[in-house]
Amino acid sequence: MKKAFTLAEVLITLGIIGVIAALTLPGLIQGYRKKVTETALKKAYTQLYQALEQAQTDNGEAINWNWEDYQTYDRDSAEAFLQEYFYPYFNIIGRSAVQQHKDKLKYVIYNFNDDYSGDPNWFWNNPQLTNWAELSDGSVISFVLKNTNTNTTAFGQFNVILSSNKNPKRLISGKDVFAFYLGKNPNNSQVTITPSGSINYNCEDLKNNRNDFIKGCKGESVNASGIISSIYCTSLIYCNNWKIPKDYPIRF
């Protein structure tokens, strides 16, 4: 007849299980959060890219759109642009509610203190310049029309608050919010949706200057700001086949 476990043995076993769980669960949770972010980020890019493709099917090549009819850094003008070329191809479920609570959608750089609320004079957080829309998957997209000169390389910037990350205590660039450019490809032959950074920096530049990109993602570079931080962060993931790299500087 086998002896039953004593109370001491049971407690020791439970203690061991607890230690193992304490050691492994944080890693599992972090891995899950990364996977969710990777999937949501790639989906956001796909939505933007497909919207641009549909807009070009209906309105001709974007390189030939009447860009100079719109004013830069003007919310009403950007609204007209979005209504013409992008909103018809998004599954939008809300506009007014998002606009009313836009102050809650400000985001900060990873290494800022918790009491930093964002500089309202910077255009990506400025309600006078930014247009917001909530999509059916729960993500929130903002847009700023930065340049309408046909000689420019970047016409505007989309910021995407991922659906999985839009309700934390604060939104963090490179974790909750990622940026994409609406701009020309390297040979200026067409307009495309570009993971922010690859207009000014490509994946080869990232490979050769990886430490600078990592510092920039954290906001530690000389020119780092919320927008530039998003450039570096999005590029780090994009250039790693939409996977968060092991040396990604922001914890999940």
Protein backbone atom coordinates (compact mmCIF):
# COMPACT_ATOMS: atom_id res chain seq x y z
CA MET A 1 0.00 0.00 0.00
CA LYS A 2 1.42 3.36 -1.08
CA LYS A 3 1.81 6.04 1.53
CA ALA A 4 -0.11 9.27 1.03
CA PHE A 5 1.74 12.54 0.79
CA THR A 6 2.24 14.27 4.08
CA LEU A 7 1.10 17.85 4.54
CA ALA A 8 4.71 18.99 4.51
CA GLU A 9 5.36 17.24 1.20
CA VAL A 10 2.24 18.78 -0.32
CA LEU A 11 3.27 22.25 0.83
CA ILE A 12 6.79 21.79 -0.52
CA THR A 13 5.39 20.62 -3.88
CA LEU A 14 3.02 23.58 -4.06
CA GLY A 15 5.86 25.91 -3.17
CA ILE A 16 7.99 24.53 -6.00
CA ILE A 17 5.09 24.91 -8.43
CA GLY A 18 4.61 28.49 -7.26
CA VAL A 19 8.28 29.33 -7.78
CA ILE A 20 8.24 27.84 -11.28
CA ALA A 21 5.07 29.77 -12.12
CA ALA A 22 6.57 32.99 -10.79
CA LEU A 23 9.62 32.49 -12.98
CA THR A 24 7.82 31.49 -16.18
CA LEU A 25 4.52 33.39 -16.20
CA PRO A 26 5.98 36.90 -16.71
CA GLY A 27 7.86 35.66 -19.77
CA LEU A 28 4.77 33.96 -21.14
CA ILE A 29 2.66 37.07 -20.60
CA GLN A 30 5.28 39.30 -22.23
CA GLY A 31 5.54 36.92 -25.17
CA TYR A 32 1.77 36.95 -25.60
CA ARG A 33 1.64 40.76 -25.52
CA LYS A 34 4.38 40.98 -28.11
CA LYS A 35 2.56 38.55 -30.39
CA VAL A 36 -0.68 40.52 -30.10
CA THR A 37 1.16 43.76 -30.90
CA GLU A 38 2.96 42.24 -33.90
CA THR A 39 -0.29 40.94 -35.35
CA ALA A 40 -2.17 44.20 -34.75
CA LEU A 41 0.63 46.34 -36.18
CA LYS A 42 0.89 44.33 -39.39
CA LYS A 43 -2.90 44.44 -39.72
CA ALA A 44 -2.90 48.23 -39.31
CA TYR A 45 -0.32 48.57 -42.06
CA THR A 46 -2.33 46.27 -44.32
CA GLN A 47 -5.50 48.32 -43.74
CA LEU A 48 -3.74 51.56 -44.65
CA TYR A 49 -2.04 50.04 -47.67
CA GLN A 50 -5.26 48.50 -48.99
CA ALA A 51 -7.16 51.77 -48.49
CA LEU A 52 -4.54 53.57 -50.57
CA GLU A 53 -4.75 50.92 -53.29
CA GLN A 54 -8.55 51.20 -53.42
CA ALA A 55 -8.35 54.99 -53.51
CA GLN A 56 -5.98 54.82 -56.46
CA THR A 57 -8.29 52.42 -58.27
CA ASP A 58 -11.12 54.95 -57.95
CA ASN A 59 -9.17 58.21 -58.25
CA GLY A 60 -6.11 57.43 -60.31
CA GLU A 61 -2.49 57.17 -59.23
CA ALA A 62 -1.88 59.10 -56.01
CA ILE A 63 1.21 60.69 -57.49
CA ASN A 64 -1.21 62.65 -59.72
CA TRP A 65 -3.73 63.67 -57.05
CA ASN A 66 -4.39 67.37 -56.55
CA TRP A 67 -2.18 67.64 -53.48
CA GLU A 68 -1.75 71.38 -53.70
CA ASP A 69 -5.51 71.88 -53.29
CA TYR A 70 -5.04 71.08 -49.60
CA GLN A 71 -3.41 73.12 -46.84
CA THR A 72 -0.71 71.64 -44.64
CA TYR A 73 -1.13 71.39 -40.87
CA ASP A 74 -4.79 72.32 -41.21
CA ARG A 75 -7.34 69.95 -39.68
CA ASP A 76 -10.24 71.00 -41.92
CA SER A 77 -8.16 70.62 -45.05
CA ALA A 78 -6.88 67.23 -43.89
CA GLU A 79 -10.47 66.23 -43.15
CA ALA A 80 -11.46 67.04 -46.73
CA PHE A 81 -8.49 65.02 -47.98
CA LEU A 82 -9.41 62.02 -45.84
CA GLN A 83 -13.07 62.19 -46.86
CA GLU A 84 -12.01 62.19 -50.50
CA TYR A 85 -9.33 59.54 -50.49
CA PHE A 86 -9.29 57.39 -47.35
CA TYR A 87 -12.41 57.37 -45.18
CA PRO A 88 -14.55 55.64 -47.85
CA TYR A 89 -12.25 52.62 -47.57
CA PHE A 90 -12.06 52.40 -43.76
CA ASN A 91 -14.72 50.67 -41.71
CA ILE A 92 -15.23 53.61 -39.35
CA ILE A 93 -17.49 53.19 -36.33
CA GLY A 94 -16.88 56.51 -34.60
CA ARG A 95 -15.60 60.03 -35.15
CA SER A 96 -17.26 62.46 -32.75
CA ALA A 97 -16.65 60.44 -29.59
CA VAL A 98 -12.99 60.09 -30.43
CA GLN A 99 -12.67 63.82 -31.13
CA GLN A 100 -14.33 64.66 -27.81
CA HIS A 101 -11.84 62.52 -25.89
CA LYS A 102 -8.79 63.20 -28.03
CA ASP A 103 -6.82 64.57 -25.07
CA LYS A 104 -6.81 61.03 -23.65
CA LEU A 105 -5.18 59.82 -26.85
CA LYS A 106 -1.99 61.82 -26.42
CA TYR A 107 1.06 59.63 -26.26
CA VAL A 108 4.51 59.97 -24.77
CA ILE A 109 7.99 58.63 -25.32
CA TYR A 110 8.96 55.50 -23.42
CA ASN A 111 11.40 57.09 -20.97
CA PHE A 112 9.28 60.08 -19.94
CA ASN A 113 7.95 60.31 -16.40
CA ASP A 114 4.38 59.25 -15.65
CA ASP A 115 3.29 62.84 -15.11
CA TYR A 116 4.28 63.87 -18.65
CA SER A 117 1.08 64.57 -20.58
CA GLY A 118 2.57 65.57 -23.92
CA ASP A 119 3.25 68.97 -25.42
CA PRO A 120 -0.01 70.22 -27.00
CA ASN A 121 2.01 72.47 -29.30
CA TRP A 122 3.50 69.48 -31.08
CA PHE A 123 1.30 68.63 -34.02
CA TRP A 124 0.82 64.91 -33.44
CA ASN A 125 -0.93 65.69 -30.15
CA ASN A 126 -2.54 68.94 -31.28
CA PRO A 127 -6.34 68.66 -31.62
CA GLN A 128 -6.31 71.65 -33.96
CA LEU A 129 -4.21 69.75 -36.49
CA THR A 130 -5.04 66.08 -36.02
CA ASN A 131 -7.96 64.06 -37.39
CA TRP A 132 -9.09 60.92 -35.55
CA ALA A 133 -11.26 57.95 -36.45
CA GLU A 134 -12.05 54.70 -34.64
CA LEU A 135 -12.22 51.59 -36.80
CA SER A 136 -14.39 48.52 -36.36
CA ASP A 137 -11.49 46.46 -35.01
CA GLY A 138 -11.10 48.93 -32.14
CA SER A 139 -7.96 50.62 -33.40
CA VAL A 140 -7.81 54.42 -33.63
CA ILE A 141 -6.14 56.18 -36.55
CA SER A 142 -5.00 59.79 -36.58
CA PHE A 143 -3.66 61.74 -39.53
CA VAL A 144 -1.73 64.95 -40.10
CA LEU A 145 -1.27 66.40 -43.58
CA LYS A 146 2.34 67.54 -43.36
CA ASN A 147 3.24 68.64 -46.87
CA THR A 148 1.30 69.09 -50.11
CA ASN A 149 4.18 70.22 -52.28
CA THR A 150 4.44 67.70 -55.09
CA ASN A 151 8.23 67.72 -54.72
CA THR A 152 8.05 66.39 -51.17
CA THR A 153 8.78 62.80 -50.17
CA ALA A 154 6.28 62.61 -47.31
CA PHE A 155 2.78 64.07 -47.65
CA GLY A 156 1.35 63.00 -44.32
CA GLN A 157 1.62 60.77 -41.30
CA PHE A 158 -0.78 58.22 -39.89
CA ASN A 159 -0.50 57.32 -36.22
CA VAL A 160 -2.23 54.11 -35.18
CA ILE A 161 -3.32 53.30 -31.65
CA LEU A 162 -3.55 49.53 -31.67
CA SER A 163 -6.86 48.03 -30.59
CA SER A 164 -5.16 45.82 -28.00
CA ASN A 165 -3.35 48.73 -26.37
CA LYS A 166 -5.65 51.75 -26.45
CA ASN A 167 -6.78 51.81 -22.81
CA PRO A 168 -3.66 51.86 -20.62
CA LYS A 169 -2.97 54.62 -18.08
CA ARG A 170 -0.95 56.34 -20.76
CA LEU A 171 -0.12 55.64 -24.40
CA ILE A 172 3.53 55.02 -25.22
CA SER A 173 5.16 55.57 -28.59
CA GLY A 174 6.52 52.27 -29.90
CA LYS A 175 4.29 50.18 -27.64
CA ASP A 176 0.75 51.46 -28.01
CA VAL A 177 1.15 53.93 -30.88
CA PHE A 178 2.99 53.40 -34.16
CA ALA A 179 3.53 55.69 -37.15
CA PHE A 180 3.27 55.26 -40.91
CA TYR A 181 4.09 57.75 -43.64
CA LEU A 182 2.01 58.50 -46.69
CA GLY A 183 4.77 59.38 -49.12
CA LYS A 184 6.75 58.59 -52.23
CA ASN A 185 8.82 55.50 -52.79
CA PRO A 186 12.63 55.88 -53.08
CA ASN A 187 12.61 56.64 -56.82
CA ASN A 188 9.65 59.05 -56.46
CA SER A 189 7.58 57.13 -59.00
CA GLN A 190 4.56 56.42 -56.82
CA VAL A 191 2.94 57.13 -53.46
CA THR A 192 2.81 54.38 -50.89
CA ILE A 193 2.15 53.66 -47.23
CA THR A 194 5.54 53.30 -45.63
CA PRO A 195 6.35 52.04 -42.15
CA SER A 196 7.56 55.28 -40.68
CA GLY A 197 11.26 55.70 -41.12
CA SER A 198 11.87 53.87 -44.35
CA ILE A 199 11.36 57.04 -46.40
CA ASN A 200 14.29 58.64 -44.59
CA TYR A 201 15.92 55.41 -43.47
CA ASN A 202 15.75 51.99 -45.05
CA CYS A 203 16.42 48.59 -43.51
CA GLU A 204 20.05 48.69 -44.64
CA ASP A 205 20.49 51.98 -42.76
CA LEU A 206 18.97 50.33 -39.72
CA LYS A 207 21.38 47.42 -40.00
CA ASN A 208 24.36 49.77 -40.16
CA ASN A 209 23.12 52.10 -37.41
CA ARG A 210 21.16 49.77 -35.16
CA ASN A 211 22.22 51.33 -31.87
CA ASP A 212 21.01 54.73 -33.07
CA PHE A 213 17.63 53.26 -33.96
CA ILE A 214 17.34 51.58 -30.56
CA LYS A 215 18.23 54.81 -28.77
CA GLY A 216 15.83 56.74 -30.98
CA CYS A 217 13.00 54.33 -30.20
CA LYS A 218 13.49 55.07 -26.50
CA GLY A 219 13.68 58.79 -27.19
CA GLU A 220 17.37 59.04 -26.28
CA SER A 221 18.65 60.47 -29.56
CA VAL A 222 19.42 64.18 -29.88
CA ASN A 223 16.40 64.81 -32.11
CA ALA A 224 14.11 62.33 -30.38
CA SER A 225 10.49 63.28 -29.98
CA GLY A 226 7.22 61.37 -30.08
CA ILE A 227 7.12 61.39 -33.86
CA ILE A 228 10.76 60.45 -34.38
CA SER A 229 10.54 57.84 -31.67
CA SER A 230 7.72 56.21 -33.63
CA ILE A 231 9.86 56.29 -36.76
CA TYR A 232 12.62 54.30 -35.13
CA CYS A 233 10.31 51.89 -33.30
CA THR A 234 8.18 51.02 -36.31
CA SER A 235 11.27 50.49 -38.43
CA LEU A 236 12.79 48.09 -35.90
CA ILE A 237 9.74 45.84 -36.16
CA TYR A 238 9.12 46.28 -39.88
CA CYS A 239 12.72 45.45 -40.78
CA ASN A 240 12.50 42.30 -38.65
CA ASN A 241 9.66 40.84 -40.74
CA TRP A 242 7.01 42.35 -38.45
CA LYS A 243 8.49 40.66 -35.38
CA ILE A 244 9.57 42.54 -32.26
CA PRO A 245 13.35 41.96 -32.14
CA LYS A 246 15.13 40.65 -29.06
CA ASP A 247 16.92 43.96 -28.55
CA TYR A 248 13.74 46.04 -28.85
CA PRO A 249 14.16 48.66 -26.11
CA ILE A 250 10.56 48.89 -24.92
CA ARG A 251 9.19 46.31 -22.50
CA PHE A 252 5.73 44.79 -22.87
